[in-house]
Amino acid sequence: MSRRKAAAARAQRLSRQQGPARPTEELVEKRDGSWWVRSLTGSSSTKPYTCPGCLRPIPPATPHVVVWPELKSLLSDDAIDERRHWHTACWRRKV
């Protein structure tokens, strides 16, 4: 096997072992508390959402962010159940 083919096979094997790349989340402080924020690429969103910042639709295949509180509210089982999809610009403008 040539060096080029061997290197390609090794890279493919390594990428399969590591699995798909996981989205990264960051904790962001806003005036109303701490929020987990995950950026989504357009290819990973397949249905429309309504942005709570501007109340306009986020069409499928549009890059945006998913946001949920660090601490759950009293009536929910988990904080991630309170996640909302925001336009990236609307989230940045949120106070």
C-alpha atoms as a PDB file:
ATOM      1  CA  MET A   1       0.000   0.000   0.000  1.00  0.00           C
ATOM      2  CA  SER A   2       1.340   3.457  -0.849  1.00  0.00           C
ATOM      3  CA  ARG A   3       2.094   5.991   1.885  1.00  0.00           C
ATOM      4  CA  ARG A   4      -0.752   8.223   0.762  1.00  0.00           C
ATOM      5  CA  LYS A   5      -3.330   5.413   0.906  1.00  0.00           C
ATOM      6  CA  ALA A   6      -1.991   4.217   4.262  1.00  0.00           C
ATOM      7  CA  ALA A   7      -2.234   7.730   5.724  1.00  0.00           C
ATOM      8  CA  ALA A   8      -5.790   8.134   4.421  1.00  0.00           C
ATOM      9  CA  ALA A   9      -6.815   4.761   5.875  1.00  0.00           C
ATOM     10  CA  ARG A  10      -5.230   5.659   9.235  1.00  0.00           C
ATOM     11  CA  ALA A  11      -7.047   9.030   9.320  1.00  0.00           C
ATOM     12  CA  GLN A  12     -10.368   7.387   8.492  1.00  0.00           C
ATOM     13  CA  ARG A  13      -9.880   4.757  11.195  1.00  0.00           C
ATOM     14  CA  LEU A  14      -9.014   7.432  13.758  1.00  0.00           C
ATOM     15  CA  SER A  15     -12.076   9.543  12.913  1.00  0.00           C
ATOM     16  CA  ARG A  16     -14.363   6.513  13.306  1.00  0.00           C
ATOM     17  CA  GLN A  17     -12.868   5.745  16.727  1.00  0.00           C
ATOM     18  CA  GLN A  18     -13.387   9.292  17.972  1.00  0.00           C
ATOM     19  CA  GLY A  19     -16.978   9.384  16.707  1.00  0.00           C
ATOM     20  CA  PRO A  20     -18.825  12.421  15.430  1.00  0.00           C
ATOM     21  CA  ALA A  21     -17.869  15.845  16.726  1.00  0.00           C
ATOM     22  CA  ARG A  22     -20.077  16.875  19.639  1.00  0.00           C
ATOM     23  CA  PRO A  23     -21.494  20.361  19.781  1.00  0.00           C
ATOM     24  CA  THR A  24     -19.816  22.569  22.332  1.00  0.00           C
ATOM     25  CA  GLU A  25     -21.751  24.384  24.994  1.00  0.00           C
ATOM     26  CA  GLU A  26     -20.710  27.415  26.961  1.00  0.00           C
ATOM     27  CA  LEU A  27     -22.108  29.003  30.095  1.00  0.00           C
ATOM     28  CA  VAL A  28     -23.042  32.653  29.525  1.00  0.00           C
ATOM     29  CA  GLU A  29     -23.958  35.203  32.181  1.00  0.00           C
ATOM     30  CA  LYS A  30     -26.863  37.552  31.426  1.00  0.00           C
ATOM     31  CA  ARG A  31     -28.729  39.939  33.712  1.00  0.00           C
ATOM     32  CA  ASP A  32     -31.438  37.374  34.353  1.00  0.00           C
ATOM     33  CA  GLY A  33     -29.070  34.510  35.224  1.00  0.00           C
ATOM     34  CA  SER A  34     -26.685  31.939  33.793  1.00  0.00           C
ATOM     35  CA  TRP A  35     -27.531  30.270  30.503  1.00  0.00           C
ATOM     36  CA  TRP A  36     -26.072  27.341  28.574  1.00  0.00           C
ATOM     37  CA  VAL A  37     -25.632  28.221  24.898  1.00  0.00           C
ATOM     38  CA  ARG A  38     -25.057  25.764  22.049  1.00  0.00           C
ATOM     39  CA  SER A  39     -24.418  26.968  18.493  1.00  0.00           C
ATOM     40  CA  LEU A  40     -26.084  24.960  15.739  1.00  0.00           C
ATOM     41  CA  THR A  41     -25.040  24.842  12.121  1.00  0.00           C
ATOM     42  CA  GLY A  42     -27.653  25.126   9.451  1.00  0.00           C
ATOM     43  CA  SER A  43     -27.242  21.507   8.401  1.00  0.00           C
ATOM     44  CA  SER A  44     -28.240  20.167  11.820  1.00  0.00           C
ATOM     45  CA  SER A  45     -31.565  22.035  12.046  1.00  0.00           C
ATOM     46  CA  THR A  46     -34.354  20.355  10.111  1.00  0.00           C
ATOM     47  CA  LYS A  47     -37.527  22.094  11.288  1.00  0.00           C
ATOM     48  CA  PRO A  48     -38.649  25.688  11.829  1.00  0.00           C
ATOM     49  CA  TYR A  49     -38.565  27.313  15.276  1.00  0.00           C
ATOM     50  CA  THR A  50     -39.847  30.633  16.616  1.00  0.00           C
ATOM     51  CA  CYS A  51     -37.255  32.923  18.168  1.00  0.00           C
ATOM     52  CA  PRO A  52     -38.413  34.193  21.598  1.00  0.00           C
ATOM     53  CA  GLY A  53     -36.389  37.395  21.112  1.00  0.00           C
ATOM     54  CA  CYS A  54     -38.161  38.698  18.000  1.00  0.00           C
ATOM     55  CA  LEU A  55     -41.049  36.206  17.646  1.00  0.00           C
ATOM     56  CA  ARG A  56     -40.056  35.595  14.022  1.00  0.00           C
ATOM     57  CA  PRO A  57     -39.485  32.142  12.523  1.00  0.00           C
ATOM     58  CA  ILE A  58     -36.072  30.520  12.253  1.00  0.00           C
ATOM     59  CA  PRO A  59     -36.307  28.592   8.960  1.00  0.00           C
ATOM     60  CA  PRO A  60     -34.849  25.091   8.644  1.00  0.00           C
ATOM     61  CA  ALA A  61     -31.155  24.937   7.692  1.00  0.00           C
ATOM     62  CA  THR A  62     -30.448  28.325   9.311  1.00  0.00           C
ATOM     63  CA  PRO A  63     -27.554  28.609  11.802  1.00  0.00           C
ATOM     64  CA  HIS A  64     -28.797  29.684  15.250  1.00  0.00           C
ATOM     65  CA  VAL A  65     -28.272  29.030  18.975  1.00  0.00           C
ATOM     66  CA  VAL A  66     -30.102  26.861  21.489  1.00  0.00           C
ATOM     67  CA  VAL A  67     -30.280  28.314  24.991  1.00  0.00           C
ATOM     68  CA  TRP A  68     -31.421  26.883  28.328  1.00  0.00           C
ATOM     69  CA  PRO A  69     -31.009  28.037  31.956  1.00  0.00           C
ATOM     70  CA  GLU A  70     -28.274  26.667  34.159  1.00  0.00           C
ATOM     71  CA  LEU A  71     -30.762  25.986  36.967  1.00  0.00           C
ATOM     72  CA  LYS A  72     -34.137  24.388  36.355  1.00  0.00           C
ATOM     73  CA  SER A  73     -37.360  26.102  37.327  1.00  0.00           C
ATOM     74  CA  LEU A  74     -39.583  24.636  39.997  1.00  0.00           C
ATOM     75  CA  LEU A  75     -42.092  23.097  37.616  1.00  0.00           C
ATOM     76  CA  SER A  76     -39.735  21.367  35.172  1.00  0.00           C
ATOM     77  CA  ASP A  77     -37.935  18.058  35.560  1.00  0.00           C
ATOM     78  CA  ASP A  78     -34.682  19.288  34.038  1.00  0.00           C
ATOM     79  CA  ALA A  79     -33.271  22.634  32.910  1.00  0.00           C
ATOM     80  CA  ILE A  80     -32.740  21.378  29.360  1.00  0.00           C
ATOM     81  CA  ASP A  81     -36.524  20.938  29.058  1.00  0.00           C
ATOM     82  CA  GLU A  82     -36.682  24.754  29.028  1.00  0.00           C
ATOM     83  CA  ARG A  83     -34.426  25.155  25.974  1.00  0.00           C
ATOM     84  CA  ARG A  84     -35.329  27.691  23.321  1.00  0.00           C
ATOM     85  CA  HIS A  85     -33.999  28.321  19.801  1.00  0.00           C
ATOM     86  CA  TRP A  86     -32.825  31.905  19.197  1.00  0.00           C
ATOM     87  CA  HIS A  87     -31.470  33.795  16.214  1.00  0.00           C
ATOM     88  CA  THR A  88     -27.805  34.357  17.048  1.00  0.00           C
ATOM     89  CA  ALA A  89     -28.178  38.143  16.715  1.00  0.00           C
ATOM     90  CA  CYS A  90     -31.288  38.197  18.936  1.00  0.00           C
ATOM     91  CA  TRP A  91     -29.450  36.251  21.642  1.00  0.00           C
ATOM     92  CA  ARG A  92     -26.492  38.652  21.539  1.00  0.00           C
ATOM     93  CA  ARG A  93     -28.859  41.614  21.941  1.00  0.00           C
ATOM     94  CA  LYS A  94     -30.630  40.037  24.929  1.00  0.00           C
ATOM     95  CA  VAL A  95     -29.904  41.970  28.085  1.00  0.00           C
END
